[in-house]
Amino acid sequence: MTAFSNYLENELLDHVLRNESYSAPATTFISLHTSDPTDAGGNEVATSGYDRFEVSAALAWTTASGGSSKNNEAWAFVTATTAWGTVTHVGVYDATTAGNLLFHGALTSSKVIGTDDIARFPIGTLSIKLD
């Protein structure tokens, strides 16, 4: 993932340039999307049985190095009880529902999530990079 959301871009600019307070979320939530969520957020899987995957911000990501951080744990969503469709993008939110999209990006390859499938991210496969 390399795209920052509009929300996070504004928060970070105000924090750095205007000395305004920004508190990073203690917990982040991984979202799955059926097309590009854009910087504003959208196109998230919206079907019965889908929930964002909760990760602890302190433990879930590697210490940033070279302008990037990767998932430090293997992540697995719940087993799909209905078909979720073809997932093409992933996002990071600051809340389990609604909330603010922080980052987003396209998956290396799309994945069809059918009934009884599990969306998984092995260690080191989800990366956030700043350029």
N, C-alpha and C. Protein backbone atom coordinates (compact mmCIF):
# COMPACT_ATOMS: atom_id res chain seq x y z
N MET A 1 0.85 -1.17 0.00
CA MET A 1 0.00 0.00 0.00
C MET A 1 0.90 1.23 0.00
N THR A 2 0.60 2.10 -0.88
CA THR A 2 1.40 3.31 -0.92
C THR A 2 0.56 4.57 -0.87
N ALA A 3 -0.72 4.45 -0.91
CA ALA A 3 -1.57 5.64 -0.94
C ALA A 3 -2.06 6.00 0.46
N PHE A 4 -1.91 7.25 0.81
CA PHE A 4 -2.48 7.78 2.03
C PHE A 4 -3.89 8.27 1.71
N SER A 5 -4.78 8.17 2.68
CA SER A 5 -6.12 8.72 2.49
C SER A 5 -6.06 10.24 2.62
N ASN A 6 -7.08 10.90 2.12
CA ASN A 6 -7.18 12.36 2.29
C ASN A 6 -7.14 12.72 3.76
N TYR A 7 -7.86 11.96 4.58
CA TYR A 7 -7.90 12.21 6.02
C TYR A 7 -6.50 12.21 6.62
N LEU A 8 -5.72 11.14 6.37
CA LEU A 8 -4.41 11.03 6.99
C LEU A 8 -3.43 12.07 6.44
N GLU A 9 -3.51 12.35 5.16
CA GLU A 9 -2.65 13.40 4.58
C GLU A 9 -2.86 14.72 5.33
N ASN A 10 -4.11 15.10 5.51
CA ASN A 10 -4.41 16.36 6.19
C ASN A 10 -3.98 16.35 7.65
N GLU A 11 -4.24 15.23 8.34
CA GLU A 11 -3.85 15.13 9.75
C GLU A 11 -2.34 15.25 9.92
N LEU A 12 -1.58 14.57 9.07
CA LEU A 12 -0.12 14.60 9.20
C LEU A 12 0.46 15.97 8.82
N LEU A 13 -0.07 16.58 7.79
CA LEU A 13 0.40 17.91 7.42
C LEU A 13 0.13 18.92 8.53
N ASP A 14 -1.06 18.89 9.09
CA ASP A 14 -1.37 19.80 10.19
C ASP A 14 -0.52 19.51 11.42
N HIS A 15 -0.24 18.25 11.67
CA HIS A 15 0.58 17.86 12.81
C HIS A 15 2.02 18.38 12.66
N VAL A 16 2.61 18.17 11.50
CA VAL A 16 4.00 18.55 11.28
C VAL A 16 4.16 20.05 11.03
N LEU A 17 3.30 20.64 10.21
CA LEU A 17 3.49 22.02 9.79
C LEU A 17 2.80 23.05 10.69
N ARG A 18 1.76 22.63 11.38
CA ARG A 18 1.00 23.59 12.19
C ARG A 18 1.05 23.25 13.68
N ASN A 19 1.83 22.21 14.03
CA ASN A 19 1.97 21.78 15.42
C ASN A 19 0.62 21.45 16.05
N GLU A 20 -0.30 20.93 15.23
CA GLU A 20 -1.60 20.51 15.74
C GLU A 20 -1.52 19.06 16.18
N SER A 21 -2.27 18.73 17.17
CA SER A 21 -2.25 17.40 17.75
C SER A 21 -2.81 16.35 16.79
N TYR A 22 -2.15 15.20 16.75
CA TYR A 22 -2.68 14.03 16.06
C TYR A 22 -2.33 12.81 16.91
N SER A 23 -3.31 12.03 17.26
CA SER A 23 -3.09 10.82 18.04
C SER A 23 -3.29 9.61 17.15
N ALA A 24 -2.24 8.83 17.02
CA ALA A 24 -2.33 7.62 16.22
C ALA A 24 -3.24 6.62 16.91
N PRO A 25 -4.00 5.85 16.14
CA PRO A 25 -4.89 4.86 16.76
C PRO A 25 -4.08 3.73 17.42
N ALA A 26 -4.53 3.27 18.58
CA ALA A 26 -3.88 2.16 19.27
C ALA A 26 -4.13 0.84 18.55
N THR A 27 -5.22 0.80 17.80
CA THR A 27 -5.61 -0.39 17.06
C THR A 27 -5.99 0.04 15.65
N THR A 28 -5.58 -0.74 14.68
CA THR A 28 -5.98 -0.48 13.30
C THR A 28 -6.77 -1.69 12.80
N PHE A 29 -7.46 -1.48 11.69
CA PHE A 29 -8.34 -2.51 11.16
C PHE A 29 -8.10 -2.65 9.66
N ILE A 30 -7.83 -3.86 9.22
CA ILE A 30 -7.57 -4.15 7.81
C ILE A 30 -8.92 -4.38 7.12
N SER A 31 -9.08 -3.72 5.98
CA SER A 31 -10.33 -3.84 5.21
C SER A 31 -10.03 -4.44 3.85
N LEU A 32 -11.03 -5.08 3.27
CA LEU A 32 -10.93 -5.66 1.93
C LEU A 32 -11.90 -4.92 1.03
N HIS A 33 -11.48 -4.69 -0.22
CA HIS A 33 -12.27 -3.89 -1.16
C HIS A 33 -12.38 -4.60 -2.50
N THR A 34 -13.52 -4.40 -3.15
CA THR A 34 -13.77 -5.04 -4.44
C THR A 34 -13.33 -4.17 -5.62
N SER A 35 -12.92 -2.94 -5.34
CA SER A 35 -12.27 -2.06 -6.32
C SER A 35 -11.57 -0.96 -5.53
N ASP A 36 -10.89 -0.08 -6.21
CA ASP A 36 -10.11 0.97 -5.57
C ASP A 36 -10.97 1.78 -4.62
N PRO A 37 -10.60 1.84 -3.33
CA PRO A 37 -11.40 2.63 -2.39
C PRO A 37 -11.20 4.13 -2.56
N THR A 38 -10.21 4.54 -3.31
CA THR A 38 -9.80 5.93 -3.49
C THR A 38 -9.38 6.53 -2.15
N ASP A 39 -8.83 7.73 -2.19
CA ASP A 39 -8.36 8.38 -0.97
C ASP A 39 -9.49 8.70 -0.01
N ALA A 40 -10.72 8.75 -0.50
CA ALA A 40 -11.87 9.09 0.34
C ALA A 40 -12.48 7.85 1.01
N GLY A 41 -12.13 6.65 0.56
CA GLY A 41 -12.70 5.42 1.10
C GLY A 41 -13.93 5.00 0.31
N GLY A 42 -14.16 3.72 0.22
CA GLY A 42 -15.32 3.19 -0.48
C GLY A 42 -15.04 1.81 -1.04
N ASN A 43 -16.06 1.19 -1.60
CA ASN A 43 -15.96 -0.11 -2.28
C ASN A 43 -15.50 -1.24 -1.36
N GLU A 44 -15.78 -1.11 -0.08
CA GLU A 44 -15.42 -2.17 0.87
C GLU A 44 -16.40 -3.33 0.72
N VAL A 45 -15.91 -4.54 0.95
CA VAL A 45 -16.79 -5.71 0.94
C VAL A 45 -17.97 -5.40 1.86
N ALA A 46 -19.16 -5.63 1.35
CA ALA A 46 -20.37 -5.32 2.13
C ALA A 46 -21.33 -6.48 2.04
N THR A 47 -21.01 -7.52 2.76
CA THR A 47 -21.85 -8.70 2.74
C THR A 47 -21.91 -9.32 4.13
N SER A 48 -22.90 -10.11 4.35
CA SER A 48 -23.08 -10.78 5.63
C SER A 48 -21.84 -11.59 6.00
N GLY A 49 -21.41 -11.47 7.24
CA GLY A 49 -20.28 -12.26 7.72
C GLY A 49 -18.93 -11.61 7.56
N TYR A 50 -18.86 -10.47 6.86
CA TYR A 50 -17.57 -9.78 6.69
C TYR A 50 -17.38 -8.76 7.81
N ASP A 51 -16.20 -8.74 8.38
CA ASP A 51 -15.80 -7.71 9.33
C ASP A 51 -14.34 -7.38 9.06
N ARG A 52 -13.97 -6.15 9.33
CA ARG A 52 -12.56 -5.76 9.24
C ARG A 52 -11.75 -6.59 10.24
N PHE A 53 -10.48 -6.79 9.91
CA PHE A 53 -9.58 -7.57 10.76
C PHE A 53 -8.85 -6.63 11.70
N GLU A 54 -8.98 -6.84 13.00
CA GLU A 54 -8.39 -5.98 14.02
C GLU A 54 -6.93 -6.36 14.28
N VAL A 55 -6.06 -5.34 14.29
CA VAL A 55 -4.64 -5.57 14.61
C VAL A 55 -4.17 -4.53 15.62
N SER A 56 -3.33 -4.97 16.53
CA SER A 56 -2.75 -4.05 17.51
C SER A 56 -1.64 -3.26 16.82
N ALA A 57 -1.75 -1.95 16.83
CA ALA A 57 -0.78 -1.11 16.13
C ALA A 57 0.63 -1.30 16.66
N ALA A 58 0.77 -1.53 17.95
CA ALA A 58 2.10 -1.64 18.55
C ALA A 58 2.83 -2.93 18.14
N LEU A 59 2.11 -3.99 17.91
CA LEU A 59 2.74 -5.27 17.63
C LEU A 59 2.59 -5.76 16.20
N ALA A 60 1.62 -5.24 15.48
CA ALA A 60 1.25 -5.80 14.20
C ALA A 60 2.16 -5.42 13.05
N TRP A 61 2.88 -4.32 13.20
CA TRP A 61 3.72 -3.81 12.11
C TRP A 61 5.18 -3.81 12.53
N THR A 62 6.07 -4.06 11.57
CA THR A 62 7.51 -3.98 11.86
C THR A 62 7.90 -2.52 12.10
N THR A 63 9.00 -2.31 12.80
CA THR A 63 9.54 -0.97 12.97
C THR A 63 9.90 -0.46 11.59
N ALA A 64 9.50 0.76 11.30
CA ALA A 64 9.74 1.33 9.97
C ALA A 64 11.24 1.39 9.67
N SER A 65 11.58 1.06 8.45
CA SER A 65 12.96 1.11 7.97
C SER A 65 12.93 1.38 6.47
N GLY A 66 13.74 2.30 6.02
CA GLY A 66 13.77 2.60 4.60
C GLY A 66 12.44 3.15 4.10
N GLY A 67 11.67 3.73 4.99
CA GLY A 67 10.40 4.31 4.60
C GLY A 67 9.27 3.33 4.44
N SER A 68 9.42 2.12 5.00
CA SER A 68 8.32 1.16 4.89
C SER A 68 8.18 0.33 6.16
N SER A 69 7.01 -0.26 6.31
CA SER A 69 6.70 -1.16 7.42
C SER A 69 5.83 -2.28 6.87
N LYS A 70 6.00 -3.49 7.40
CA LYS A 70 5.24 -4.65 6.94
C LYS A 70 4.50 -5.31 8.09
N ASN A 71 3.51 -6.11 7.76
CA ASN A 71 2.82 -6.85 8.81
C ASN A 71 3.80 -7.81 9.48
N ASN A 72 3.81 -7.76 10.80
CA ASN A 72 4.75 -8.52 11.61
C ASN A 72 4.14 -9.83 12.12
N GLU A 73 2.91 -10.06 11.76
CA GLU A 73 2.18 -11.27 12.15
C GLU A 73 1.42 -11.80 10.94
N ALA A 74 1.09 -13.09 10.97
CA ALA A 74 0.20 -13.64 9.94
C ALA A 74 -1.22 -13.24 10.31
N TRP A 75 -1.97 -12.73 9.34
CA TRP A 75 -3.34 -12.27 9.58
C TRP A 75 -4.31 -13.11 8.77
N ALA A 76 -5.41 -13.48 9.40
CA ALA A 76 -6.46 -14.26 8.71
C ALA A 76 -7.82 -13.71 9.12
N PHE A 77 -8.61 -13.37 8.14
CA PHE A 77 -9.98 -12.92 8.39
C PHE A 77 -10.81 -14.13 8.82
N VAL A 78 -12.02 -13.87 9.27
CA VAL A 78 -12.93 -14.97 9.62
C VAL A 78 -13.29 -15.74 8.35
N THR A 79 -13.72 -16.96 8.52
CA THR A 79 -14.18 -17.76 7.39
C THR A 79 -15.43 -17.13 6.80
N ALA A 80 -15.42 -16.93 5.50
CA ALA A 80 -16.57 -16.32 4.82
C ALA A 80 -17.76 -17.27 4.88
N THR A 81 -18.86 -16.79 5.39
CA THR A 81 -20.08 -17.60 5.44
C THR A 81 -20.94 -17.40 4.21
N THR A 82 -20.62 -16.36 3.44
CA THR A 82 -21.23 -16.10 2.13
C THR A 82 -20.10 -15.64 1.21
N ALA A 83 -20.33 -15.62 -0.07
CA ALA A 83 -19.31 -15.14 -1.01
C ALA A 83 -19.09 -13.64 -0.82
N TRP A 84 -17.83 -13.23 -0.73
CA TRP A 84 -17.48 -11.82 -0.58
C TRP A 84 -17.16 -11.17 -1.91
N GLY A 85 -17.03 -11.96 -2.95
CA GLY A 85 -16.70 -11.42 -4.27
C GLY A 85 -15.21 -11.41 -4.52
N THR A 86 -14.82 -10.68 -5.55
CA THR A 86 -13.41 -10.58 -5.92
C THR A 86 -12.79 -9.38 -5.22
N VAL A 87 -11.82 -9.65 -4.37
CA VAL A 87 -11.14 -8.61 -3.61
C VAL A 87 -9.92 -8.17 -4.41
N THR A 88 -9.81 -6.85 -4.63
CA THR A 88 -8.72 -6.30 -5.44
C THR A 88 -7.84 -5.32 -4.67
N HIS A 89 -8.37 -4.79 -3.56
CA HIS A 89 -7.65 -3.77 -2.81
C HIS A 89 -7.76 -4.04 -1.30
N VAL A 90 -6.86 -3.43 -0.57
CA VAL A 90 -6.85 -3.55 0.88
C VAL A 90 -6.70 -2.15 1.48
N GLY A 91 -7.23 -1.97 2.68
CA GLY A 91 -7.12 -0.68 3.35
C GLY A 91 -6.79 -0.86 4.82
N VAL A 92 -6.42 0.24 5.45
CA VAL A 92 -6.20 0.28 6.89
C VAL A 92 -7.07 1.40 7.45
N TYR A 93 -7.94 1.06 8.38
CA TYR A 93 -8.85 2.02 9.02
C TYR A 93 -8.49 2.20 10.49
N ASP A 94 -9.05 3.24 11.10
CA ASP A 94 -8.84 3.48 12.52
C ASP A 94 -10.03 3.05 13.37
N ALA A 95 -10.98 2.34 12.79
CA ALA A 95 -12.16 1.87 13.53
C ALA A 95 -12.69 0.59 12.90
N THR A 96 -13.41 -0.18 13.69
CA THR A 96 -13.94 -1.45 13.21
C THR A 96 -15.08 -1.26 12.20
N THR A 97 -15.86 -0.20 12.36
CA THR A 97 -16.87 0.17 11.37
C THR A 97 -16.76 1.68 11.17
N ALA A 98 -17.15 2.13 10.01
CA ALA A 98 -17.03 3.56 9.65
C ALA A 98 -15.60 3.99 9.90
N GLY A 99 -15.37 5.03 10.70
CA GLY A 99 -14.01 5.48 10.99
C GLY A 99 -13.36 6.15 9.80
N ASN A 100 -12.04 6.28 9.88
CA ASN A 100 -11.26 6.96 8.85
C ASN A 100 -10.33 5.98 8.14
N LEU A 101 -10.38 5.98 6.83
CA LEU A 101 -9.41 5.23 6.05
C LEU A 101 -8.06 5.93 6.21
N LEU A 102 -7.00 5.16 6.48
CA LEU A 102 -5.67 5.73 6.65
C LEU A 102 -4.80 5.48 5.42
N PHE A 103 -4.72 4.23 5.00
CA PHE A 103 -3.92 3.82 3.85
C PHE A 103 -4.74 2.90 2.97
N HIS A 104 -4.35 2.79 1.71
CA HIS A 104 -4.99 1.82 0.83
C HIS A 104 -4.08 1.50 -0.35
N GLY A 105 -4.32 0.37 -0.98
CA GLY A 105 -3.56 -0.01 -2.15
C GLY A 105 -4.11 -1.26 -2.79
N ALA A 106 -3.64 -1.52 -3.99
CA ALA A 106 -4.07 -2.70 -4.75
C ALA A 106 -3.31 -3.93 -4.27
N LEU A 107 -3.98 -5.06 -4.28
CA LEU A 107 -3.32 -6.33 -4.02
C LEU A 107 -2.45 -6.69 -5.21
N THR A 108 -1.43 -7.49 -4.99
CA THR A 108 -0.58 -7.95 -6.09
C THR A 108 -1.40 -8.72 -7.11
N SER A 109 -2.32 -9.52 -6.63
CA SER A 109 -3.27 -10.20 -7.51
C SER A 109 -4.61 -10.28 -6.80
N SER A 110 -5.68 -10.18 -7.57
CA SER A 110 -7.01 -10.22 -6.97
C SER A 110 -7.29 -11.62 -6.43
N LYS A 111 -8.25 -11.70 -5.52
CA LYS A 111 -8.59 -12.98 -4.90
C LYS A 111 -10.10 -13.09 -4.78
N VAL A 112 -10.65 -14.15 -5.33
CA VAL A 112 -12.08 -14.43 -5.19
C VAL A 112 -12.29 -15.07 -3.82
N ILE A 113 -13.14 -14.46 -3.02
CA ILE A 113 -13.45 -15.01 -1.69
C ILE A 113 -14.86 -15.58 -1.77
N GLY A 114 -14.92 -16.89 -1.80
CA GLY A 114 -16.20 -17.59 -1.84
C GLY A 114 -16.59 -18.10 -0.46
N THR A 115 -17.74 -18.69 -0.37
CA THR A 115 -18.20 -19.28 0.88
C THR A 115 -17.16 -20.28 1.39
N ASP A 116 -16.84 -20.20 2.67
CA ASP A 116 -15.86 -21.05 3.37
C ASP A 116 -14.41 -20.71 3.06
N ASP A 117 -14.15 -19.64 2.30
CA ASP A 117 -12.77 -19.18 2.08
C ASP A 117 -12.32 -18.30 3.24
N ILE A 118 -11.01 -18.17 3.36
CA ILE A 118 -10.42 -17.29 4.37
C ILE A 118 -9.40 -16.40 3.69
N ALA A 119 -9.57 -15.09 3.80
CA ALA A 119 -8.58 -14.14 3.28
C ALA A 119 -7.42 -14.09 4.27
N ARG A 120 -6.20 -14.28 3.76
CA ARG A 120 -5.01 -14.35 4.63
C ARG A 120 -3.90 -13.44 4.11
N PHE A 121 -3.13 -12.93 5.06
CA PHE A 121 -1.92 -12.17 4.75
C PHE A 121 -0.79 -12.77 5.58
N PRO A 122 0.05 -13.61 4.97
CA PRO A 122 1.20 -14.16 5.70
C PRO A 122 2.14 -13.03 6.15
N ILE A 123 2.99 -13.30 7.10
CA ILE A 123 3.95 -12.33 7.62
C ILE A 123 4.71 -11.68 6.47
N GLY A 124 4.81 -10.36 6.50
CA GLY A 124 5.61 -9.61 5.54
C GLY A 124 4.99 -9.40 4.18
N THR A 125 3.73 -9.77 3.99
CA THR A 125 3.12 -9.64 2.66
C THR A 125 2.31 -8.36 2.47
N LEU A 126 2.05 -7.65 3.55
CA LEU A 126 1.32 -6.39 3.45
C LEU A 126 2.27 -5.28 3.89
N SER A 127 2.55 -4.38 2.97
CA SER A 127 3.56 -3.36 3.21
C SER A 127 3.00 -1.96 2.98
N ILE A 128 3.40 -1.05 3.87
CA ILE A 128 3.07 0.37 3.69
C ILE A 128 4.39 1.08 3.47
N LYS A 129 4.47 1.81 2.36
CA LYS A 129 5.73 2.47 1.98
C LYS A 129 5.49 3.94 1.71
N LEU A 130 6.37 4.77 2.26
CA LEU A 130 6.33 6.20 2.01
C LEU A 130 7.40 6.54 0.98
N ASP A 131 7.04 7.33 0.01
CA ASP A 131 8.01 7.79 -1.00
C ASP A 131 8.27 9.27 -0.81
